[in-house]
N, C-alpha and C. Protein backbone atom coordinates (compact mmCIF):
# COMPACT_ATOMS: atom_id res chain seq x y z
N UNK A 1 50.02 136.11 51.25
CA UNK A 1 50.07 136.63 49.83
C UNK A 1 50.61 137.81 49.43
N UNK A 2 51.49 137.91 48.27
CA UNK A 2 52.16 138.96 48.02
C UNK A 2 51.47 139.46 46.69
N UNK A 3 51.08 140.87 46.82
CA UNK A 3 50.07 141.17 45.68
C UNK A 3 51.11 141.96 44.66
N UNK A 4 52.24 142.56 45.18
CA UNK A 4 53.30 143.24 44.19
C UNK A 4 53.85 142.43 43.33
N UNK A 5 54.40 142.95 42.37
CA UNK A 5 55.35 142.23 41.31
C UNK A 5 56.77 142.45 41.84
N UNK A 6 57.67 141.39 41.98
CA UNK A 6 58.91 141.54 42.55
C UNK A 6 60.02 141.43 41.76
N UNK A 7 60.75 142.57 41.43
CA UNK A 7 61.88 142.41 40.51
C UNK A 7 63.07 141.83 41.27
N UNK A 8 63.44 140.78 40.55
CA UNK A 8 64.74 139.90 40.99
C UNK A 8 65.85 139.80 39.80
N UNK A 9 66.85 139.47 40.07
CA UNK A 9 67.95 139.22 39.05
C UNK A 9 67.55 137.77 38.09
N UNK A 10 67.28 136.82 38.68
CA UNK A 10 67.09 135.49 37.75
C UNK A 10 66.26 134.56 38.27
N UNK A 11 66.17 133.45 37.38
CA UNK A 11 65.18 132.46 37.63
C UNK A 11 65.38 131.58 38.90
N UNK A 12 66.59 131.63 39.32
CA UNK A 12 66.61 130.87 40.73
C UNK A 12 66.18 131.80 41.96
N UNK A 13 66.20 133.11 41.76
CA UNK A 13 65.55 134.08 42.71
C UNK A 13 63.87 133.71 42.74
N UNK A 14 63.43 133.74 41.62
CA UNK A 14 61.98 133.39 41.28
C UNK A 14 61.63 131.96 41.91
N UNK A 15 62.39 130.89 41.45
CA UNK A 15 62.27 129.73 42.38
C UNK A 15 62.08 129.64 43.86
N UNK A 16 63.18 130.47 44.37
CA UNK A 16 63.26 130.43 45.68
C UNK A 16 61.97 131.04 46.31
N UNK A 17 61.67 132.37 45.87
CA UNK A 17 60.49 133.22 46.42
C UNK A 17 59.24 132.38 46.13
N UNK A 18 58.88 131.36 44.82
CA UNK A 18 57.89 130.60 45.05
C UNK A 18 57.89 129.56 46.11
N UNK A 19 58.95 128.88 46.12
CA UNK A 19 59.21 127.88 47.42
C UNK A 19 58.64 128.43 48.60
N UNK A 20 59.00 129.63 48.96
CA UNK A 20 58.63 130.20 50.24
C UNK A 20 57.21 130.74 50.29
N UNK A 21 56.85 131.38 49.23
CA UNK A 21 55.40 132.19 49.39
C UNK A 21 54.46 131.67 48.59
N UNK A 22 54.81 130.71 47.80
CA UNK A 22 53.85 130.13 46.69
C UNK A 22 53.82 130.99 45.39
N UNK A 23 52.68 130.99 44.77
CA UNK A 23 52.68 131.73 43.55
C UNK A 23 52.89 133.41 43.71
N UNK A 24 53.98 133.75 43.29
CA UNK A 24 54.40 135.25 43.32
C UNK A 24 54.66 135.46 41.79
N UNK A 25 54.29 136.87 41.34
CA UNK A 25 54.55 137.50 40.30
C UNK A 25 56.18 138.14 40.26
N UNK A 26 57.03 137.77 39.32
CA UNK A 26 58.25 138.44 39.35
C UNK A 26 58.76 138.76 37.81
N UNK A 27 59.52 139.91 37.91
CA UNK A 27 60.07 140.35 36.46
C UNK A 27 61.59 139.87 36.90
N UNK A 28 62.44 139.14 36.08
CA UNK A 28 63.72 138.57 36.03
C UNK A 28 64.50 139.84 35.26
N UNK A 29 65.59 140.39 35.83
CA UNK A 29 66.27 141.15 35.03
C UNK A 29 67.42 140.43 34.36
N UNK A 30 67.72 139.20 34.48
CA UNK A 30 68.84 138.66 33.72
C UNK A 30 70.11 139.07 34.01
N UNK A 31 70.26 139.51 35.26
CA UNK A 31 71.59 140.13 35.79
C UNK A 31 71.70 141.57 35.59
N UNK A 32 72.91 142.14 35.92
CA UNK A 32 73.06 143.63 35.88
C UNK A 32 73.08 144.54 34.51
N UNK A 33 73.09 143.89 33.76
CA UNK A 33 72.93 144.51 32.24
C UNK A 33 71.45 144.37 31.79
N UNK A 34 70.74 145.17 32.71
CA UNK A 34 69.14 145.01 32.18
C UNK A 34 68.96 145.76 31.09
N UNK A 35 68.24 144.95 30.20
CA UNK A 35 67.80 145.58 28.95
C UNK A 35 66.72 146.46 29.06
N UNK A 36 66.82 147.39 27.93
CA UNK A 36 65.86 148.46 27.57
C UNK A 36 64.34 147.89 27.85
N UNK A 37 64.40 146.72 27.19
CA UNK A 37 63.04 146.23 27.05
C UNK A 37 62.49 145.56 28.43
N UNK A 38 63.41 144.93 29.14
CA UNK A 38 63.07 144.68 30.56
C UNK A 38 62.78 145.77 31.53
N UNK A 39 63.38 146.86 31.26
CA UNK A 39 63.06 148.29 31.97
C UNK A 39 61.75 148.70 31.60
N UNK A 40 61.42 148.57 30.19
CA UNK A 40 60.00 149.02 29.73
C UNK A 40 58.93 148.05 30.42
N UNK A 41 59.26 146.88 30.64
CA UNK A 41 58.32 145.78 30.97
C UNK A 41 58.07 146.19 32.49
N UNK A 42 59.25 146.54 33.36
CA UNK A 42 59.10 146.86 34.63
C UNK A 42 58.01 148.24 34.66
N UNK A 43 58.53 149.12 33.81
CA UNK A 43 57.68 150.55 33.95
C UNK A 43 56.32 150.28 33.66
N UNK A 44 55.87 149.40 32.60
CA UNK A 44 54.48 149.18 32.35
C UNK A 44 53.96 148.37 33.44
N UNK A 45 54.67 147.24 34.11
CA UNK A 45 54.05 146.67 35.17
C UNK A 45 53.80 147.43 36.26
N UNK A 46 54.50 148.62 36.44
CA UNK A 46 54.51 149.44 37.87
C UNK A 46 53.03 150.28 37.50
N UNK A 47 52.41 150.47 36.41
CA UNK A 47 51.53 151.14 36.04
C UNK A 47 50.26 150.31 36.67
N UNK A 48 50.45 148.98 36.50
CA UNK A 48 49.16 148.19 36.96
C UNK A 48 49.39 147.88 38.32
N UNK A 49 50.45 147.47 38.97
CA UNK A 49 50.64 146.98 40.26
C UNK A 49 51.95 147.59 40.87
N UNK A 50 51.92 147.78 42.12
CA UNK A 50 53.01 147.98 42.68
C UNK A 50 54.10 147.16 42.61
N UNK A 51 55.51 147.66 42.75
CA UNK A 51 56.76 147.05 42.23
C UNK A 51 57.57 147.07 43.62
N UNK A 52 58.16 145.69 43.65
CA UNK A 52 59.09 145.70 44.97
C UNK A 52 60.41 145.26 44.48
N UNK A 53 61.55 145.80 44.57
CA UNK A 53 62.69 145.69 44.15
C UNK A 53 63.66 144.74 45.24
N UNK A 54 63.89 143.40 45.12
CA UNK A 54 64.59 142.41 45.66
C UNK A 54 65.78 141.98 44.93
N UNK A 55 67.06 142.63 45.10
CA UNK A 55 68.10 142.13 44.46
C UNK A 55 69.12 141.72 45.41
N UNK A 56 70.17 140.88 44.84
CA UNK A 56 71.06 140.51 45.67
C UNK A 56 71.96 141.66 46.57
N UNK A 57 72.40 141.31 47.36
CA UNK A 57 73.02 142.54 48.15
C UNK A 57 74.40 142.68 48.28
N UNK A 58 74.59 142.95 46.69
CA UNK A 58 76.03 143.23 46.21
C UNK A 58 75.98 144.40 45.40
N UNK A 59 77.26 144.69 44.77
CA UNK A 59 77.51 145.74 43.85
C UNK A 59 76.60 145.59 42.67
N UNK A 60 76.40 144.37 42.05
CA UNK A 60 75.43 144.27 40.87
C UNK A 60 74.13 144.58 41.19
N UNK A 61 73.80 144.02 42.34
CA UNK A 61 72.34 144.18 42.98
C UNK A 61 72.09 145.53 42.96
N UNK A 62 72.87 146.53 43.59
CA UNK A 62 72.84 147.76 43.79
C UNK A 62 72.60 148.58 42.22
N UNK A 63 73.36 147.98 41.35
CA UNK A 63 73.47 148.57 40.07
C UNK A 63 72.00 148.49 39.44
N UNK A 64 71.31 147.29 39.54
CA UNK A 64 69.95 146.89 39.21
C UNK A 64 69.10 147.78 39.63
N UNK A 65 69.16 147.72 41.02
CA UNK A 65 68.12 148.75 41.99
C UNK A 65 68.13 150.09 41.27
N UNK A 66 69.38 150.80 40.92
CA UNK A 66 69.40 152.12 40.43
C UNK A 66 68.78 152.12 39.14
N UNK A 67 68.73 151.20 38.37
CA UNK A 67 68.43 151.25 36.74
C UNK A 67 66.72 150.93 37.13
N UNK A 68 66.26 150.40 37.97
CA UNK A 68 64.81 150.10 37.93
C UNK A 68 64.54 151.46 38.59
N UNK A 69 64.84 152.26 39.74
CA UNK A 69 64.58 153.45 40.16
C UNK A 69 64.54 154.66 39.11
N UNK A 70 65.32 154.59 38.07
CA UNK A 70 65.21 155.48 37.08
C UNK A 70 64.06 155.52 36.37
N UNK A 71 63.39 154.15 36.21
CA UNK A 71 62.31 154.03 35.40
C UNK A 71 61.07 154.05 36.58
N UNK A 72 61.13 153.75 37.51
CA UNK A 72 59.89 153.73 38.54
C UNK A 72 60.45 154.08 39.72
N UNK A 73 60.52 155.59 39.94
CA UNK A 73 61.26 156.18 41.11
C UNK A 73 60.65 155.94 42.42
N UNK A 74 59.39 155.63 42.33
CA UNK A 74 58.66 155.05 43.80
C UNK A 74 58.54 153.62 44.06
N UNK A 75 59.45 152.87 43.30
CA UNK A 75 59.35 151.40 43.55
C UNK A 75 59.75 151.14 45.04
N UNK A 76 58.67 150.03 45.53
CA UNK A 76 59.19 149.84 47.04
C UNK A 76 60.48 148.98 46.80
N UNK A 77 61.18 149.05 48.08
CA UNK A 77 62.51 148.54 48.18
C UNK A 77 62.39 147.41 49.40
N UNK A 78 62.93 146.46 49.38
CA UNK A 78 63.26 145.48 50.22
C UNK A 78 64.93 145.05 49.95
N UNK A 79 65.64 144.97 51.54
CA UNK A 79 66.99 144.59 51.54
C UNK A 79 67.25 143.54 52.20
N UNK A 80 67.94 142.43 51.45
CA UNK A 80 68.19 141.19 52.34
C UNK A 80 69.58 141.36 53.08
N UNK A 81 69.86 141.08 54.38
CA UNK A 81 71.24 141.40 54.84
C UNK A 81 72.30 140.49 54.20
N UNK A 82 73.40 140.85 53.85
CA UNK A 82 74.53 140.30 53.24
C UNK A 82 74.65 138.94 53.84
N UNK A 83 74.78 138.79 55.49
CA UNK A 83 75.17 137.47 56.09
C UNK A 83 73.94 136.64 55.94
N UNK A 84 72.77 136.97 55.32
CA UNK A 84 71.75 135.97 55.23
C UNK A 84 71.41 135.60 53.71
N UNK A 85 72.32 135.94 52.83
CA UNK A 85 72.35 135.87 51.38
C UNK A 85 73.46 134.97 50.96
N UNK A 86 74.34 134.46 51.98
CA UNK A 86 75.62 133.84 51.54
C UNK A 86 75.40 132.25 51.23
N UNK A 87 75.90 131.73 50.23
CA UNK A 87 75.63 130.28 49.59
C UNK A 87 76.27 129.47 50.85
N UNK A 88 75.75 128.06 50.77
CA UNK A 88 76.49 127.02 51.66
C UNK A 88 77.93 126.71 51.04
N UNK A 89 78.04 126.53 50.02
CA UNK A 89 79.30 126.14 49.37
C UNK A 89 79.80 127.52 48.71
N UNK A 90 80.49 127.16 47.53
CA UNK A 90 81.06 128.33 46.61
C UNK A 90 79.90 129.08 45.93
N UNK A 91 80.25 130.23 45.78
CA UNK A 91 79.22 131.01 44.84
C UNK A 91 79.18 132.42 45.64
N UNK A 92 78.44 133.22 44.99
CA UNK A 92 78.42 134.54 45.23
C UNK A 92 76.96 134.82 46.16
N UNK A 93 77.03 136.05 46.73
CA UNK A 93 75.91 136.27 47.69
C UNK A 93 74.44 136.38 46.57
N UNK A 94 73.32 135.71 47.21
CA UNK A 94 72.13 135.67 46.33
C UNK A 94 70.84 135.62 47.08
N UNK A 95 69.76 136.20 46.64
CA UNK A 95 68.67 136.10 47.03
C UNK A 95 68.30 134.46 47.09
N UNK A 96 68.50 133.60 46.40
CA UNK A 96 68.30 132.23 46.12
C UNK A 96 68.86 131.49 47.18
N UNK A 97 69.80 131.90 47.97
CA UNK A 97 70.61 131.30 48.99
C UNK A 97 69.85 131.65 50.38
N UNK A 98 68.97 132.64 50.58
CA UNK A 98 68.47 133.08 51.89
C UNK A 98 67.19 131.96 52.36
N UNK A 99 67.31 131.88 53.68
CA UNK A 99 66.33 130.83 54.27
C UNK A 99 64.94 131.57 54.03
N UNK A 100 63.91 130.77 54.42
CA UNK A 100 62.60 131.10 54.19
C UNK A 100 62.44 132.14 55.28
N UNK A 101 62.86 131.79 56.56
CA UNK A 101 62.55 133.04 57.43
C UNK A 101 63.11 134.39 57.00
N UNK A 102 64.47 134.36 56.48
CA UNK A 102 65.13 135.64 55.96
C UNK A 102 64.08 136.37 54.84
N UNK A 103 63.82 135.63 54.27
CA UNK A 103 62.96 136.11 52.96
C UNK A 103 61.50 136.60 53.54
N UNK A 104 61.01 136.00 54.57
CA UNK A 104 59.65 136.60 55.12
C UNK A 104 60.07 137.84 56.09
N UNK A 105 61.17 137.84 56.67
CA UNK A 105 61.27 138.81 57.35
C UNK A 105 61.69 140.12 56.60
N UNK A 106 62.61 140.00 55.43
CA UNK A 106 62.85 141.18 54.68
C UNK A 106 61.84 141.55 54.06
N UNK A 107 60.85 140.78 53.43
CA UNK A 107 59.27 141.04 52.77
C UNK A 107 58.51 141.82 53.88
N UNK A 108 58.86 141.72 55.22
CA UNK A 108 57.76 142.44 56.19
C UNK A 108 58.41 143.83 56.40
N UNK A 109 59.57 144.05 55.87
CA UNK A 109 60.26 145.54 55.94
C UNK A 109 60.38 146.17 54.66
N UNK A 110 59.22 146.31 54.06
CA UNK A 110 59.17 147.07 52.80
C UNK A 110 59.38 148.58 52.93
N UNK A 111 60.21 149.21 52.26
CA UNK A 111 60.54 150.68 52.25
C UNK A 111 60.16 151.32 51.13
N UNK A 112 59.38 152.39 51.17
CA UNK A 112 59.21 153.23 49.96
C UNK A 112 60.31 154.28 49.65
N UNK A 113 60.56 154.66 48.55
CA UNK A 113 61.42 155.74 47.94
C UNK A 113 60.61 156.80 47.78
N UNK A 114 61.17 157.86 47.94
CA UNK A 114 60.65 159.30 47.93
C UNK A 114 61.96 160.32 47.38
N UNK A 115 61.93 160.49 46.01
CA UNK A 115 63.14 160.98 45.37
C UNK A 115 63.04 162.61 45.75
N UNK A 116 61.87 163.27 46.52
CA UNK A 116 61.90 164.50 46.75
C UNK A 116 62.00 164.85 48.32
N UNK A 117 62.43 163.67 49.22
CA UNK A 117 62.49 163.63 50.40
C UNK A 117 63.68 164.49 50.73
N UNK A 118 63.65 165.56 51.85
CA UNK A 118 64.73 166.16 52.24
C UNK A 118 65.18 165.62 53.52
N UNK A 119 66.23 165.18 53.58
CA UNK A 119 66.54 164.66 55.00
C UNK A 119 67.47 165.89 55.93
N UNK A 120 67.28 165.65 57.10
CA UNK A 120 68.15 166.55 57.94
C UNK A 120 69.31 166.12 58.46
N UNK A 121 69.86 164.77 58.09
CA UNK A 121 71.05 164.09 58.21
C UNK A 121 72.05 164.80 57.40
N UNK A 122 73.23 164.72 57.97
CA UNK A 122 74.44 165.11 57.12
C UNK A 122 75.41 164.21 57.34
N UNK A 123 76.52 164.43 56.40
CA UNK A 123 77.78 163.60 56.29
C UNK A 123 78.43 163.87 57.90
N UNK A 124 78.36 164.87 58.41
CA UNK A 124 78.98 165.08 59.78
C UNK A 124 78.31 163.97 60.60
N UNK A 125 77.16 163.88 60.76
CA UNK A 125 76.28 163.12 61.57
C UNK A 125 76.70 161.64 61.43
N UNK A 126 77.23 161.15 60.32
CA UNK A 126 77.54 159.84 59.71
C UNK A 126 79.04 159.71 60.45
N UNK A 127 79.98 160.81 60.30
CA UNK A 127 81.20 160.88 60.71
C UNK A 127 81.28 160.58 62.17
N UNK A 128 80.43 161.70 62.91
CA UNK A 128 80.29 161.48 64.31
C UNK A 128 79.92 160.13 64.87
N UNK A 129 79.12 159.47 64.27
CA UNK A 129 78.51 158.04 64.52
C UNK A 129 79.56 157.06 64.18
N UNK A 130 80.56 157.60 63.69
CA UNK A 130 81.76 156.28 63.32
C UNK A 130 81.30 155.37 62.32
N UNK A 131 80.48 155.98 61.22
CA UNK A 131 79.96 155.21 60.21
C UNK A 131 80.87 155.41 58.73
N UNK A 132 81.65 156.47 58.93
CA UNK A 132 82.60 156.85 57.95
C UNK A 132 83.87 157.21 58.42
N UNK A 133 84.89 156.44 58.00
CA UNK A 133 86.19 156.53 58.57
C UNK A 133 86.35 155.85 59.68
N UNK A 134 87.46 155.37 59.86
CA UNK A 134 87.68 154.70 61.28
C UNK A 134 87.65 153.27 61.18
N UNK A 135 88.20 152.50 62.02
CA UNK A 135 88.70 151.25 61.95
C UNK A 135 87.25 150.06 61.78
N UNK A 136 86.23 150.79 62.50
CA UNK A 136 85.09 149.92 62.62
C UNK A 136 83.81 150.40 61.60
N UNK A 137 84.28 151.49 60.79
CA UNK A 137 82.89 151.91 60.00
C UNK A 137 82.35 150.91 59.10
N UNK A 138 83.03 150.14 58.50
CA UNK A 138 82.28 149.35 57.61
C UNK A 138 81.39 148.31 58.17
N UNK A 139 81.84 147.64 59.29
CA UNK A 139 80.91 146.86 60.33
C UNK A 139 79.95 147.39 60.78
N UNK A 140 80.02 148.83 61.38
CA UNK A 140 78.98 149.92 61.79
C UNK A 140 77.97 149.91 60.74
N UNK A 141 78.43 150.12 59.58
CA UNK A 141 77.36 150.57 58.57
C UNK A 141 76.65 149.27 58.27
N UNK A 142 77.30 147.87 58.01
CA UNK A 142 76.66 147.00 57.82
C UNK A 142 75.41 146.58 59.17
N UNK A 143 75.76 146.98 60.32
CA UNK A 143 75.02 146.78 61.59
C UNK A 143 73.83 147.92 61.37
N UNK A 144 73.97 149.00 61.07
CA UNK A 144 73.00 149.97 61.01
C UNK A 144 72.12 149.51 59.72
N UNK A 145 72.68 149.12 58.70
CA UNK A 145 71.91 148.83 57.27
C UNK A 145 70.94 147.61 57.79
N UNK A 146 71.05 146.71 58.70
CA UNK A 146 70.38 145.40 59.19
C UNK A 146 69.22 146.00 60.10
N UNK A 147 69.85 146.96 61.17
CA UNK A 147 68.66 147.48 62.01
C UNK A 147 67.48 148.23 61.33
N UNK A 148 68.08 149.05 60.24
CA UNK A 148 67.09 149.93 59.31
C UNK A 148 66.44 149.30 58.45
N UNK A 149 66.77 148.05 58.29
CA UNK A 149 66.23 147.28 56.94
C UNK A 149 66.74 148.06 55.63
N UNK A 150 67.91 148.81 55.50
CA UNK A 150 68.31 149.41 54.30
C UNK A 150 69.57 148.58 53.45
N UNK A 151 69.81 147.49 53.76
CA UNK A 151 71.02 146.85 53.50
C UNK A 151 72.30 147.82 53.56
N UNK A 152 73.43 147.28 53.11
CA UNK A 152 74.70 147.55 53.34
C UNK A 152 74.92 148.67 52.29
N UNK A 153 75.44 149.75 52.82
CA UNK A 153 76.03 150.98 51.90
C UNK A 153 77.12 151.26 52.23
N UNK A 154 78.19 151.43 51.30
CA UNK A 154 79.49 151.98 51.72
C UNK A 154 79.44 153.47 52.07
N UNK A 155 80.39 154.00 52.67
CA UNK A 155 80.55 155.41 53.19
C UNK A 155 79.99 156.20 52.05
N UNK A 156 80.22 156.43 50.92
CA UNK A 156 79.63 157.26 49.88
C UNK A 156 78.06 157.18 49.62
N UNK A 157 77.74 155.84 49.70
CA UNK A 157 76.34 155.54 49.32
C UNK A 157 75.45 155.79 50.54
N UNK A 158 75.89 155.73 51.80
CA UNK A 158 75.03 155.82 52.88
C UNK A 158 74.07 156.98 52.95
N UNK A 159 74.52 158.09 52.94
CA UNK A 159 73.58 159.26 53.28
C UNK A 159 72.58 159.20 51.96
N UNK A 160 73.14 159.18 50.62
CA UNK A 160 72.00 158.87 49.67
C UNK A 160 70.86 158.18 50.01
N UNK A 161 71.35 156.91 50.52
CA UNK A 161 70.48 155.63 50.51
C UNK A 161 69.68 156.20 51.94
N UNK A 162 69.99 156.59 52.89
CA UNK A 162 69.21 156.82 54.07
C UNK A 162 68.16 157.96 53.58
N UNK A 163 68.55 159.10 52.48
CA UNK A 163 67.54 160.14 52.34
C UNK A 163 66.39 159.46 51.19
N UNK A 164 67.09 158.52 50.36
CA UNK A 164 66.10 157.88 49.44
C UNK A 164 65.23 157.27 49.99
N UNK A 165 65.66 156.43 51.26
CA UNK A 165 64.66 155.59 51.83
C UNK A 165 63.70 156.42 53.06
N UNK A 166 63.83 157.65 52.80
CA UNK A 166 63.20 158.42 53.97
C UNK A 166 63.37 158.24 55.51
N UNK A 167 64.71 157.86 55.85
CA UNK A 167 65.03 157.53 57.22
C UNK A 167 65.05 159.00 57.90
N UNK A 168 64.27 159.03 58.95
CA UNK A 168 64.37 160.23 59.71
C UNK A 168 65.46 160.14 60.71
N UNK A 169 65.63 161.42 61.35
CA UNK A 169 66.73 161.54 62.26
C UNK A 169 66.41 160.76 63.49
N UNK A 170 65.22 160.72 63.83
CA UNK A 170 64.93 159.70 64.99
C UNK A 170 64.95 158.50 64.66
N UNK A 171 64.70 157.66 63.65
CA UNK A 171 65.05 156.39 63.20
C UNK A 171 66.50 156.09 63.40
N UNK A 172 67.38 157.15 62.62
CA UNK A 172 68.75 156.88 62.75
C UNK A 172 69.20 156.92 63.96
N UNK A 173 68.81 157.92 64.97
CA UNK A 173 69.29 157.81 66.37
C UNK A 173 69.02 156.70 67.24
N UNK A 174 67.54 156.21 66.96
CA UNK A 174 67.29 155.03 67.73
C UNK A 174 68.19 153.74 67.17
N UNK A 175 68.52 153.64 65.87
CA UNK A 175 69.11 152.50 65.65
C UNK A 175 70.78 152.66 66.01
N UNK A 176 71.25 153.88 66.12
CA UNK A 176 72.41 154.19 66.83
C UNK A 176 72.46 154.03 68.14
N UNK A 177 71.64 154.21 68.86
CA UNK A 177 71.21 153.78 70.29
C UNK A 177 71.25 152.39 70.50
N UNK A 178 70.73 151.63 69.65
CA UNK A 178 70.67 150.12 69.70
C UNK A 178 71.93 149.44 69.41
N UNK A 179 72.69 150.12 68.56
CA UNK A 179 74.05 149.45 68.09
C UNK A 179 75.14 149.66 69.19
N UNK A 180 74.86 150.91 69.92
CA UNK A 180 75.85 151.40 71.02
C UNK A 180 75.62 150.21 72.07
N UNK A 181 74.33 149.99 72.39
CA UNK A 181 73.77 149.21 73.51
C UNK A 181 74.43 147.92 73.31
N UNK A 182 74.30 147.31 72.14
CA UNK A 182 74.90 145.97 71.70
C UNK A 182 76.26 145.82 71.73
N UNK A 183 76.78 146.99 71.44
CA UNK A 183 78.36 146.99 71.60
C UNK A 183 78.76 146.85 73.07
N UNK A 184 78.05 147.59 73.86
CA UNK A 184 78.40 147.52 75.45
C UNK A 184 77.99 146.33 75.86
N UNK A 185 77.17 145.53 75.58
CA UNK A 185 77.05 143.98 76.14
C UNK A 185 77.75 142.90 75.60
N UNK A 186 78.63 143.47 74.62
CA UNK A 186 79.46 142.29 73.95
C UNK A 186 80.77 142.07 74.82
């Protein structure tokens, strides 16, 4: 049973979550142009119960996440890997396309945000790890996002995301080690 209120983009996301988890409470943003009334509703709901943000793993989903974090800075976050949100036919990435197992997995990896967390990771660490610049940087960021359950971030977004989600140097290095071991076995 999920006790938190899940912020999603639309009714198809709500429908899919209810198919998988039964009765869950959601607030639908109706896309990336989140209204002030919806943000006020999210803010008021967060005073009563914890909020989890589960948006599509795309640009608009990230835009919604940012808007929600502006009104509820400590909102919990879950990220659905891009590869698990692809539609079977035409269409865009979306929570509504995820398998039941993918949704269960992502909701077992809830992360909390902390706007005051100070990371000891640097841009240099990301460059050295081949996550920024270089031919495989995008694929490596996607793989890192999956391992840390933080979703995909471009080179500019990665360090702020790692910091916001309180990813420690040890967690980062453990994920890099696993990535490098997987590359060695390919």
